Amino acid sequence: MLDKCRISGYVSLEIVEDMINIKPLNKKPRENWDLMFKEANAGNEEIEENYFEGVTNEFDIDEW
């Protein structure tokens, strides 16, 4: 069916009410995410706090 519609490669599936919509994706999934994250954090010079600093548990001690 996809060949008949000339759809190949990656597709997007979307459920709308009682239908499944299949659309071709023109770009790869997660393409340019690294750039988008950098842009989203641009201007945020604040250093993130490590809220788990000093917190340990048996799993971390034994397994890691």
Protein backbone atom coordinates (compact mmCIF):
# COMPACT_ATOMS: atom_id res chain seq x y z
CA MET A 1 0.00 0.00 0.00
CA LEU A 2 2.86 2.39 0.82
CA ASP A 3 4.54 1.60 -2.50
CA LYS A 4 1.28 2.33 -4.28
CA CYS A 5 1.22 5.78 -2.63
CA ARG A 6 4.94 6.25 -3.40
CA ILE A 7 5.81 6.47 0.29
CA SER A 8 9.18 5.04 1.31
CA GLY A 9 11.60 5.51 4.17
CA TYR A 10 10.53 6.87 7.51
CA VAL A 11 6.85 7.48 8.18
CA SER A 12 4.78 9.10 10.91
CA LEU A 13 1.79 7.23 12.33
CA GLU A 14 -1.01 9.25 13.88
CA ILE A 15 -4.27 7.97 15.34
CA VAL A 16 -7.24 10.27 14.78
CA GLU A 17 -10.55 9.02 16.13
CA ASP A 18 -11.04 5.68 14.33
CA MET A 19 -8.36 6.19 11.65
CA ILE A 20 -4.63 5.66 11.35
CA ASN A 21 -2.89 8.35 9.29
CA ILE A 22 0.43 7.45 7.70
CA LYS A 23 2.57 10.34 6.50
CA PRO A 24 6.05 10.33 4.98
CA LEU A 25 8.74 12.07 6.99
CA ASN A 26 10.93 14.38 4.99
CA LYS A 27 13.71 14.32 7.53
CA LYS A 28 15.21 11.76 9.88
CA PRO A 29 13.77 11.39 13.37
CA ARG A 30 15.63 13.56 15.91
CA GLU A 31 17.46 15.38 13.11
CA ASN A 32 19.03 18.60 14.41
CA TRP A 33 17.99 17.91 18.02
CA ASP A 34 21.49 18.79 19.23
CA LEU A 35 21.18 22.22 17.60
CA MET A 36 17.68 22.76 18.96
CA PHE A 37 18.80 21.93 22.54
CA LYS A 38 21.73 24.34 22.22
CA GLU A 39 19.41 27.08 20.97
CA ALA A 40 16.90 26.39 23.75
CA ASN A 41 19.63 26.77 26.36
CA ALA A 42 21.33 29.77 24.75
CA GLY A 43 21.76 32.61 27.19
CA ASN A 44 21.31 30.31 30.17
CA GLU A 45 24.68 30.83 31.82
CA GLU A 46 23.44 29.48 35.13
CA ILE A 47 25.16 26.28 36.21
CA GLU A 48 22.73 23.49 37.01
CA GLU A 49 22.75 22.30 40.58
CA ASN A 50 23.46 18.66 41.31
CA TYR A 51 20.57 17.83 43.63
CA PHE A 52 21.89 14.31 44.15
CA GLU A 53 25.40 15.26 45.23
CA GLY A 54 26.35 13.21 48.26
CA VAL A 55 23.29 10.98 47.99
CA THR A 56 24.24 7.31 47.77
CA ASN A 57 22.44 4.01 47.95
CA GLU A 58 23.43 0.35 48.12
CA PHE A 59 22.82 -0.24 44.42
CA ASP A 60 25.22 2.51 43.41
CA ILE A 61 27.86 1.30 45.82
CA ASP A 62 27.55 -2.42 44.98
CA GLU A 63 26.65 -2.38 41.29
CA TRP A 64 28.51 0.59 39.87
